[in-house]
Amino acid sequence: MMTKPPMVSAHSKAFDMVDTAAARDVLRSHCERRKYRQKVPGWYGISVDTGANLQFGAALDFPWVRSDEMDEATRDMPEPQPVEKVLGPRRRPVKEKIGRNAPCHCRSGTKYKKCHGR
């Protein structure tokens, strides 16, 4: 198994930390603008990777106060979309119906109707 030379690994880790710090700043800035636009006292934001694993988050909890600077920063910001529109409709997993004469799912060797089908 090949490993990276130590310099490359250290360089990659430093690069990842810079990327993460920049991403945190972007997330916090976005959360501040979205919080202001929605006129709410609190806002939360998270960053997830492509595998849907949580990377980091931001929490803002302070009263909303009108600001000319924030009015300008949020002027062209689009309205938030409903979750269903962004992610699509939620689908419930379809469970396959077990026939009465099918073998029982518990692997007892008996028919479903004699075992768990009562």
C-alpha atoms as a PDB file:
ATOM      1  CA  MET A   1       0.000   0.000   0.000  1.00  0.00           C
ATOM      2  CA  MET A   2       1.400   3.377  -1.031  1.00  0.00           C
ATOM      3  CA  THR A   3       1.147   6.386   1.230  1.00  0.00           C
ATOM      4  CA  LYS A   4       1.673  10.021   0.412  1.00  0.00           C
ATOM      5  CA  PRO A   5       5.013  11.533   1.304  1.00  0.00           C
ATOM      6  CA  PRO A   6       4.768  13.531   4.568  1.00  0.00           C
ATOM      7  CA  MET A   7       5.144  16.907   2.818  1.00  0.00           C
ATOM      8  CA  VAL A   8       2.247  16.204   0.471  1.00  0.00           C
ATOM      9  CA  SER A   9       0.018  15.046   3.346  1.00  0.00           C
ATOM     10  CA  ALA A  10       0.844  18.125   5.420  1.00  0.00           C
ATOM     11  CA  HIS A  11       0.267  20.352   2.395  1.00  0.00           C
ATOM     12  CA  SER A  12      -3.095  18.692   1.693  1.00  0.00           C
ATOM     13  CA  LYS A  13      -4.195  19.058   5.325  1.00  0.00           C
ATOM     14  CA  ALA A  14      -3.225  22.736   5.374  1.00  0.00           C
ATOM     15  CA  PHE A  15      -5.062  23.283   2.080  1.00  0.00           C
ATOM     16  CA  ASP A  16      -8.159  21.517   3.456  1.00  0.00           C
ATOM     17  CA  MET A  17      -8.051  23.689   6.606  1.00  0.00           C
ATOM     18  CA  VAL A  18      -7.885  26.869   4.491  1.00  0.00           C
ATOM     19  CA  ASP A  19     -10.781  25.602   2.357  1.00  0.00           C
ATOM     20  CA  THR A  20     -12.779  24.762   5.483  1.00  0.00           C
ATOM     21  CA  ALA A  21     -12.105  28.181   7.024  1.00  0.00           C
ATOM     22  CA  ALA A  22     -13.195  29.898   3.812  1.00  0.00           C
ATOM     23  CA  ALA A  23     -16.285  27.679   3.587  1.00  0.00           C
ATOM     24  CA  ARG A  24     -17.182  28.509   7.201  1.00  0.00           C
ATOM     25  CA  ASP A  25     -16.935  32.215   6.394  1.00  0.00           C
ATOM     26  CA  VAL A  26     -19.157  31.776   3.332  1.00  0.00           C
ATOM     27  CA  LEU A  27     -21.714  29.781   5.331  1.00  0.00           C
ATOM     28  CA  ARG A  28     -21.794  32.325   8.155  1.00  0.00           C
ATOM     29  CA  SER A  29     -22.147  35.212   5.700  1.00  0.00           C
ATOM     30  CA  HIS A  30     -24.989  33.428   3.893  1.00  0.00           C
ATOM     31  CA  CYS A  31     -26.720  32.675   7.208  1.00  0.00           C
ATOM     32  CA  GLU A  32     -26.443  36.319   8.281  1.00  0.00           C
ATOM     33  CA  ARG A  33     -27.984  37.524   5.017  1.00  0.00           C
ATOM     34  CA  ARG A  34     -30.734  34.881   5.053  1.00  0.00           C
ATOM     35  CA  LYS A  35     -31.519  35.610   8.736  1.00  0.00           C
ATOM     36  CA  TYR A  36     -31.783  39.314   7.944  1.00  0.00           C
ATOM     37  CA  ARG A  37     -33.948  38.719   4.875  1.00  0.00           C
ATOM     38  CA  GLN A  38     -36.366  36.516   6.841  1.00  0.00           C
ATOM     39  CA  LYS A  39     -36.444  38.966   9.802  1.00  0.00           C
ATOM     40  CA  VAL A  40     -36.035  36.211  12.381  1.00  0.00           C
ATOM     41  CA  PRO A  41     -34.128  36.194  15.701  1.00  0.00           C
ATOM     42  CA  GLY A  42     -32.264  32.949  14.979  1.00  0.00           C
ATOM     43  CA  TRP A  43     -30.872  31.051  12.008  1.00  0.00           C
ATOM     44  CA  TYR A  44     -28.958  27.806  11.595  1.00  0.00           C
ATOM     45  CA  GLY A  45     -26.902  26.606   8.669  1.00  0.00           C
ATOM     46  CA  ILE A  46     -25.011  23.394   8.008  1.00  0.00           C
ATOM     47  CA  SER A  47     -22.500  22.207   5.465  1.00  0.00           C
ATOM     48  CA  VAL A  48     -22.624  18.623   4.276  1.00  0.00           C
ATOM     49  CA  ASP A  49     -20.275  16.781   1.960  1.00  0.00           C
ATOM     50  CA  THR A  50     -21.341  14.858  -1.131  1.00  0.00           C
ATOM     51  CA  GLY A  51     -21.993  11.793   1.027  1.00  0.00           C
ATOM     52  CA  ALA A  52     -24.490  13.772   3.161  1.00  0.00           C
ATOM     53  CA  ASN A  53     -22.092  13.774   6.132  1.00  0.00           C
ATOM     54  CA  LEU A  54     -22.131  16.845   8.360  1.00  0.00           C
ATOM     55  CA  GLN A  55     -18.959  18.918   8.008  1.00  0.00           C
ATOM     56  CA  PHE A  56     -19.685  22.000  10.140  1.00  0.00           C
ATOM     57  CA  GLY A  57     -22.451  24.403  11.015  1.00  0.00           C
ATOM     58  CA  ALA A  58     -23.289  27.943  12.030  1.00  0.00           C
ATOM     59  CA  ALA A  59     -25.818  29.166  14.580  1.00  0.00           C
ATOM     60  CA  LEU A  60     -26.929  32.790  14.825  1.00  0.00           C
ATOM     61  CA  ASP A  61     -29.025  33.890  17.777  1.00  0.00           C
ATOM     62  CA  PHE A  62     -29.474  37.636  18.140  1.00  0.00           C
ATOM     63  CA  PRO A  63     -32.388  40.032  17.608  1.00  0.00           C
ATOM     64  CA  TRP A  64     -33.204  41.294  14.120  1.00  0.00           C
ATOM     65  CA  VAL A  65     -32.288  44.962  13.626  1.00  0.00           C
ATOM     66  CA  ARG A  66     -32.879  46.943  10.443  1.00  0.00           C
ATOM     67  CA  SER A  67     -29.710  47.939   8.599  1.00  0.00           C
ATOM     68  CA  ASP A  68     -29.197  49.887   5.352  1.00  0.00           C
ATOM     69  CA  GLU A  69     -26.057  47.840   4.677  1.00  0.00           C
ATOM     70  CA  MET A  70     -27.939  44.530   5.014  1.00  0.00           C
ATOM     71  CA  ASP A  71     -30.852  45.888   2.948  1.00  0.00           C
ATOM     72  CA  GLU A  72     -28.382  46.469   0.129  1.00  0.00           C
ATOM     73  CA  ALA A  73     -26.661  43.085   0.610  1.00  0.00           C
ATOM     74  CA  THR A  74     -29.963  41.182   0.473  1.00  0.00           C
ATOM     75  CA  ARG A  75     -31.708  43.192  -2.246  1.00  0.00           C
ATOM     76  CA  ASP A  76     -31.165  40.581  -5.011  1.00  0.00           C
ATOM     77  CA  MET A  77     -31.362  37.541  -2.745  1.00  0.00           C
ATOM     78  CA  PRO A  78     -34.025  35.098  -3.962  1.00  0.00           C
ATOM     79  CA  GLU A  79     -36.828  33.980  -1.685  1.00  0.00           C
ATOM     80  CA  PRO A  80     -36.240  30.606  -0.020  1.00  0.00           C
ATOM     81  CA  GLN A  81     -37.838  27.607  -1.694  1.00  0.00           C
ATOM     82  CA  PRO A  82     -39.940  24.986   0.096  1.00  0.00           C
ATOM     83  CA  VAL A  83     -38.005  21.835   0.954  1.00  0.00           C
ATOM     84  CA  GLU A  84     -40.263  19.764  -1.312  1.00  0.00           C
ATOM     85  CA  LYS A  85     -39.376  21.949  -4.288  1.00  0.00           C
ATOM     86  CA  VAL A  86     -35.635  21.701  -3.643  1.00  0.00           C
ATOM     87  CA  LEU A  87     -35.430  18.014  -2.701  1.00  0.00           C
ATOM     88  CA  GLY A  88     -38.517  16.715  -4.483  1.00  0.00           C
ATOM     89  CA  PRO A  89     -41.503  15.024  -2.885  1.00  0.00           C
ATOM     90  CA  ARG A  90     -40.837  12.637  -0.040  1.00  0.00           C
ATOM     91  CA  ARG A  91     -41.475   9.049  -0.959  1.00  0.00           C
ATOM     92  CA  ARG A  92     -42.269   6.387   1.536  1.00  0.00           C
ATOM     93  CA  PRO A  93     -40.465   3.114   0.987  1.00  0.00           C
ATOM     94  CA  VAL A  94     -42.781   0.564  -0.549  1.00  0.00           C
ATOM     95  CA  LYS A  95     -42.909  -2.625   1.477  1.00  0.00           C
ATOM     96  CA  GLU A  96     -43.450  -5.736  -0.535  1.00  0.00           C
ATOM     97  CA  LYS A  97     -46.586  -7.516   0.600  1.00  0.00           C
ATOM     98  CA  ILE A  98     -45.978 -11.045   1.840  1.00  0.00           C
ATOM     99  CA  GLY A  99     -48.384 -13.635   0.479  1.00  0.00           C
ATOM    100  CA  ARG A 100     -50.150 -15.880   2.985  1.00  0.00           C
ATOM    101  CA  ASN A 101     -48.607 -19.014   1.472  1.00  0.00           C
ATOM    102  CA  ALA A 102     -45.105 -17.562   1.161  1.00  0.00           C
ATOM    103  CA  PRO A 103     -42.382 -18.768   3.511  1.00  0.00           C
ATOM    104  CA  CYS A 104     -42.250 -16.697   6.698  1.00  0.00           C
ATOM    105  CA  HIS A 105     -39.708 -13.857   6.755  1.00  0.00           C
ATOM    106  CA  CYS A 106     -38.322 -15.077  10.101  1.00  0.00           C
ATOM    107  CA  ARG A 107     -36.900 -18.155   8.318  1.00  0.00           C
ATOM    108  CA  SER A 108     -38.686 -20.618  10.575  1.00  0.00           C
ATOM    109  CA  GLY A 109     -39.484 -22.801   7.581  1.00  0.00           C
ATOM    110  CA  THR A 110     -43.247 -22.488   8.028  1.00  0.00           C
ATOM    111  CA  LYS A 111     -45.729 -20.587   5.923  1.00  0.00           C
ATOM    112  CA  TYR A 112     -46.305 -16.933   6.801  1.00  0.00           C
ATOM    113  CA  LYS A 113     -49.985 -17.576   7.605  1.00  0.00           C
ATOM    114  CA  LYS A 114     -49.044 -20.167  10.265  1.00  0.00           C
ATOM    115  CA  CYS A 115     -46.220 -18.118  11.802  1.00  0.00           C
ATOM    116  CA  HIS A 116     -46.330 -14.295  11.764  1.00  0.00           C
ATOM    117  CA  GLY A 117     -49.460 -13.863   9.640  1.00  0.00           C
ATOM    118  CA  ARG A 118     -51.946 -14.247  12.479  1.00  0.00           C
END
